[in-house]
Amino acid sequence: MSTKDKLIKNLESQITAWEKEAEAKQAEAEKKQARAENEKAGAALKEEFTEKIRSLQSDIEAAKEKLKEIKSAGEDRMADLKRQVSDWLG
């Protein structure tokens, strides 16, 4: 498997994982908000989870853009793109 194919596979897997995590956070936020005893607690929970979801959605969009870049790049750019993705994903 080429470096390009590996990067595409890794990013697609990460996007899927982040999308699932965002969905889980949304479900968790809704569940906790339903259990909140008062409006202040509910608003605080909503704000907390809204920020987490926004952050995940931002990561998803950035990963999709990087995926487009990788798919259109030549093999001569793969080493640099691989380093970028590795640094980004940790």
N, C-alpha and C. Protein backbone atom coordinates (compact mmCIF):
# COMPACT_ATOMS: atom_id res chain seq x y z
N MET A 1 0.85 -1.17 0.00
CA MET A 1 0.00 0.00 0.00
C MET A 1 0.91 1.24 0.00
N SER A 2 0.60 2.18 -0.86
CA SER A 2 1.43 3.38 -0.97
C SER A 2 1.21 4.30 0.23
N THR A 3 2.13 5.21 0.41
CA THR A 3 2.02 6.19 1.48
C THR A 3 0.72 6.98 1.33
N LYS A 4 0.40 7.35 0.11
CA LYS A 4 -0.83 8.09 -0.15
C LYS A 4 -2.04 7.29 0.30
N ASP A 5 -2.10 6.02 -0.08
CA ASP A 5 -3.22 5.17 0.29
C ASP A 5 -3.32 5.02 1.81
N LYS A 6 -2.16 4.88 2.47
CA LYS A 6 -2.16 4.77 3.93
C LYS A 6 -2.68 6.04 4.59
N LEU A 7 -2.24 7.20 4.08
CA LEU A 7 -2.71 8.47 4.64
C LEU A 7 -4.21 8.63 4.44
N ILE A 8 -4.68 8.29 3.26
CA ILE A 8 -6.12 8.38 2.99
C ILE A 8 -6.89 7.46 3.94
N LYS A 9 -6.43 6.24 4.09
CA LYS A 9 -7.10 5.29 4.98
C LYS A 9 -7.09 5.79 6.41
N ASN A 10 -5.94 6.30 6.88
CA ASN A 10 -5.85 6.80 8.26
C ASN A 10 -6.77 7.98 8.49
N LEU A 11 -6.79 8.93 7.55
CA LEU A 11 -7.67 10.09 7.73
C LEU A 11 -9.14 9.71 7.64
N GLU A 12 -9.48 8.83 6.72
CA GLU A 12 -10.88 8.40 6.64
C GLU A 12 -11.31 7.71 7.92
N SER A 13 -10.43 6.91 8.49
CA SER A 13 -10.73 6.24 9.77
C SER A 13 -10.89 7.26 10.89
N GLN A 14 -10.01 8.27 10.91
CA GLN A 14 -10.09 9.28 11.95
C GLN A 14 -11.37 10.10 11.82
N ILE A 15 -11.74 10.46 10.60
CA ILE A 15 -12.97 11.20 10.38
C ILE A 15 -14.16 10.41 10.89
N THR A 16 -14.21 9.13 10.57
CA THR A 16 -15.30 8.28 11.03
C THR A 16 -15.34 8.23 12.55
N ALA A 17 -14.18 8.09 13.17
CA ALA A 17 -14.12 8.04 14.64
C ALA A 17 -14.60 9.35 15.24
N TRP A 18 -14.17 10.50 14.67
CA TRP A 18 -14.60 11.79 15.19
C TRP A 18 -16.10 12.00 14.98
N GLU A 19 -16.62 11.56 13.85
CA GLU A 19 -18.06 11.70 13.61
C GLU A 19 -18.85 10.88 14.64
N LYS A 20 -18.39 9.67 14.93
CA LYS A 20 -19.05 8.84 15.94
C LYS A 20 -18.94 9.49 17.32
N GLU A 21 -17.77 10.06 17.62
CA GLU A 21 -17.58 10.72 18.91
C GLU A 21 -18.49 11.94 19.03
N ALA A 22 -18.62 12.70 17.95
CA ALA A 22 -19.51 13.87 17.96
C ALA A 22 -20.96 13.45 18.19
N GLU A 23 -21.37 12.37 17.53
CA GLU A 23 -22.73 11.85 17.73
C GLU A 23 -22.93 11.39 19.17
N ALA A 24 -21.93 10.72 19.73
CA ALA A 24 -22.03 10.25 21.11
C ALA A 24 -22.09 11.41 22.08
N LYS A 25 -21.28 12.46 21.83
CA LYS A 25 -21.30 13.64 22.70
C LYS A 25 -22.65 14.33 22.62
N GLN A 26 -23.22 14.40 21.41
CA GLN A 26 -24.54 15.01 21.26
C GLN A 26 -25.59 14.22 22.05
N ALA A 27 -25.55 12.91 21.94
CA ALA A 27 -26.50 12.06 22.66
C ALA A 27 -26.29 12.20 24.17
N GLU A 28 -25.04 12.24 24.60
CA GLU A 28 -24.73 12.39 26.02
C GLU A 28 -25.22 13.74 26.54
N ALA A 29 -25.03 14.80 25.75
CA ALA A 29 -25.47 16.13 26.14
C ALA A 29 -26.99 16.16 26.29
N GLU A 30 -27.68 15.56 25.35
CA GLU A 30 -29.13 15.52 25.40
C GLU A 30 -29.62 14.73 26.62
N LYS A 31 -28.94 13.63 26.89
CA LYS A 31 -29.31 12.80 28.03
C LYS A 31 -29.09 13.54 29.35
N LYS A 32 -27.92 14.18 29.48
CA LYS A 32 -27.62 14.91 30.71
C LYS A 32 -28.52 16.12 30.88
N GLN A 33 -28.79 16.79 29.78
CA GLN A 33 -29.66 17.95 29.87
C GLN A 33 -31.06 17.55 30.30
N ALA A 34 -31.52 16.41 29.83
CA ALA A 34 -32.84 15.92 30.22
C ALA A 34 -32.90 15.65 31.72
N ARG A 35 -31.74 15.27 32.29
CA ARG A 35 -31.69 14.98 33.72
C ARG A 35 -31.37 16.21 34.58
N ALA A 36 -31.02 17.29 33.95
CA ALA A 36 -30.64 18.48 34.71
C ALA A 36 -31.80 18.95 35.58
N GLU A 37 -31.50 19.29 36.80
CA GLU A 37 -32.55 19.66 37.75
C GLU A 37 -33.03 21.09 37.58
N ASN A 38 -32.20 21.95 37.06
CA ASN A 38 -32.66 23.32 36.87
C ASN A 38 -32.10 23.89 35.57
N GLU A 39 -32.59 25.04 35.18
CA GLU A 39 -32.21 25.64 33.91
C GLU A 39 -30.73 26.01 33.86
N LYS A 40 -30.17 26.47 34.97
CA LYS A 40 -28.75 26.85 34.98
C LYS A 40 -27.87 25.64 34.71
N ALA A 41 -28.16 24.55 35.37
CA ALA A 41 -27.36 23.34 35.17
C ALA A 41 -27.51 22.86 33.72
N GLY A 42 -28.73 22.92 33.21
CA GLY A 42 -28.98 22.50 31.83
C GLY A 42 -28.25 23.38 30.83
N ALA A 43 -28.27 24.68 31.06
CA ALA A 43 -27.58 25.61 30.16
C ALA A 43 -26.07 25.40 30.20
N ALA A 44 -25.53 25.16 31.39
CA ALA A 44 -24.09 24.92 31.52
C ALA A 44 -23.69 23.64 30.79
N LEU A 45 -24.50 22.61 30.96
CA LEU A 45 -24.22 21.35 30.26
C LEU A 45 -24.29 21.53 28.75
N LYS A 46 -25.30 22.23 28.31
CA LYS A 46 -25.46 22.45 26.88
C LYS A 46 -24.25 23.21 26.32
N GLU A 47 -23.82 24.24 27.04
CA GLU A 47 -22.67 25.03 26.59
C GLU A 47 -21.40 24.17 26.54
N GLU A 48 -21.20 23.36 27.57
CA GLU A 48 -20.01 22.49 27.63
C GLU A 48 -19.97 21.53 26.45
N PHE A 49 -21.08 20.87 26.20
CA PHE A 49 -21.10 19.87 25.13
C PHE A 49 -21.16 20.52 23.76
N THR A 50 -21.76 21.68 23.66
CA THR A 50 -21.78 22.39 22.39
C THR A 50 -20.35 22.72 21.97
N GLU A 51 -19.53 23.16 22.91
CA GLU A 51 -18.13 23.48 22.61
C GLU A 51 -17.36 22.22 22.20
N LYS A 52 -17.57 21.12 22.90
CA LYS A 52 -16.89 19.87 22.55
C LYS A 52 -17.29 19.41 21.15
N ILE A 53 -18.56 19.52 20.84
CA ILE A 53 -19.06 19.10 19.53
C ILE A 53 -18.51 20.02 18.44
N ARG A 54 -18.48 21.33 18.70
CA ARG A 54 -17.92 22.28 17.74
C ARG A 54 -16.46 21.96 17.44
N SER A 55 -15.72 21.64 18.49
CA SER A 55 -14.31 21.31 18.32
C SER A 55 -14.14 20.06 17.46
N LEU A 56 -14.94 19.04 17.73
CA LEU A 56 -14.88 17.82 16.92
C LEU A 56 -15.28 18.09 15.48
N GLN A 57 -16.30 18.91 15.28
CA GLN A 57 -16.73 19.22 13.92
C GLN A 57 -15.65 19.99 13.17
N SER A 58 -14.94 20.85 13.88
CA SER A 58 -13.82 21.57 13.27
C SER A 58 -12.72 20.60 12.86
N ASP A 59 -12.42 19.64 13.73
CA ASP A 59 -11.42 18.62 13.40
C ASP A 59 -11.86 17.79 12.19
N ILE A 60 -13.12 17.45 12.14
CA ILE A 60 -13.65 16.66 11.02
C ILE A 60 -13.49 17.44 9.71
N GLU A 61 -13.86 18.71 9.71
CA GLU A 61 -13.74 19.51 8.50
C GLU A 61 -12.28 19.67 8.07
N ALA A 62 -11.38 19.89 9.03
CA ALA A 62 -9.95 20.02 8.71
C ALA A 62 -9.43 18.71 8.13
N ALA A 63 -9.85 17.59 8.69
CA ALA A 63 -9.41 16.29 8.20
C ALA A 63 -9.93 16.04 6.79
N LYS A 64 -11.15 16.43 6.52
CA LYS A 64 -11.71 16.26 5.18
C LYS A 64 -10.94 17.10 4.16
N GLU A 65 -10.55 18.32 4.55
CA GLU A 65 -9.76 19.16 3.66
C GLU A 65 -8.38 18.55 3.41
N LYS A 66 -7.75 18.03 4.46
CA LYS A 66 -6.44 17.40 4.32
C LYS A 66 -6.57 16.16 3.44
N LEU A 67 -7.66 15.42 3.59
CA LEU A 67 -7.90 14.24 2.77
C LEU A 67 -8.00 14.62 1.29
N LYS A 68 -8.69 15.71 0.98
CA LYS A 68 -8.78 16.18 -0.40
C LYS A 68 -7.38 16.52 -0.93
N GLU A 69 -6.59 17.19 -0.07
CA GLU A 69 -5.23 17.56 -0.47
C GLU A 69 -4.40 16.32 -0.77
N ILE A 70 -4.51 15.32 0.08
CA ILE A 70 -3.75 14.08 -0.11
C ILE A 70 -4.17 13.37 -1.39
N LYS A 71 -5.47 13.29 -1.61
CA LYS A 71 -5.97 12.59 -2.79
C LYS A 71 -5.51 13.25 -4.09
N SER A 72 -5.34 14.55 -4.08
CA SER A 72 -4.94 15.24 -5.30
C SER A 72 -3.43 15.43 -5.43
N ALA A 73 -2.70 15.11 -4.37
CA ALA A 73 -1.25 15.32 -4.36
C ALA A 73 -0.52 14.18 -5.06
N GLY A 74 0.63 14.51 -5.58
CA GLY A 74 1.49 13.51 -6.18
C GLY A 74 2.33 12.82 -5.11
N GLU A 75 2.95 11.72 -5.50
CA GLU A 75 3.79 10.96 -4.56
C GLU A 75 4.94 11.80 -4.01
N ASP A 76 5.37 12.80 -4.76
CA ASP A 76 6.47 13.64 -4.31
C ASP A 76 6.12 14.46 -3.06
N ARG A 77 4.85 14.60 -2.75
CA ARG A 77 4.42 15.36 -1.57
C ARG A 77 4.03 14.46 -0.39
N MET A 78 4.03 13.15 -0.60
CA MET A 78 3.53 12.24 0.42
C MET A 78 4.35 12.26 1.72
N ALA A 79 5.65 12.37 1.63
CA ALA A 79 6.47 12.38 2.86
C ALA A 79 6.09 13.58 3.72
N ASP A 80 5.95 14.74 3.09
CA ASP A 80 5.58 15.95 3.84
C ASP A 80 4.16 15.84 4.40
N LEU A 81 3.24 15.36 3.59
CA LEU A 81 1.86 15.21 4.04
C LEU A 81 1.76 14.17 5.16
N LYS A 82 2.54 13.11 5.04
CA LYS A 82 2.55 12.09 6.09
C LYS A 82 3.02 12.69 7.40
N ARG A 83 4.07 13.51 7.35
CA ARG A 83 4.58 14.16 8.56
C ARG A 83 3.51 15.10 9.15
N GLN A 84 2.85 15.86 8.29
CA GLN A 84 1.81 16.78 8.76
C GLN A 84 0.68 16.02 9.47
N VAL A 85 0.24 14.94 8.84
CA VAL A 85 -0.85 14.16 9.42
C VAL A 85 -0.41 13.51 10.73
N SER A 86 0.80 12.97 10.75
CA SER A 86 1.33 12.35 11.96
C SER A 86 1.43 13.36 13.10
N ASP A 87 1.94 14.56 12.80
CA ASP A 87 2.04 15.60 13.82
C ASP A 87 0.66 16.01 14.31
N TRP A 88 -0.29 16.10 13.40
CA TRP A 88 -1.63 16.55 13.73
C TRP A 88 -2.40 15.52 14.57
N LEU A 89 -2.30 14.26 14.17
CA LEU A 89 -3.05 13.21 14.87
C LEU A 89 -2.34 12.69 16.11
N GLY A 90 -1.09 13.01 16.23
CA GLY A 90 -0.35 12.63 17.43
C GLY A 90 0.31 11.34 17.37
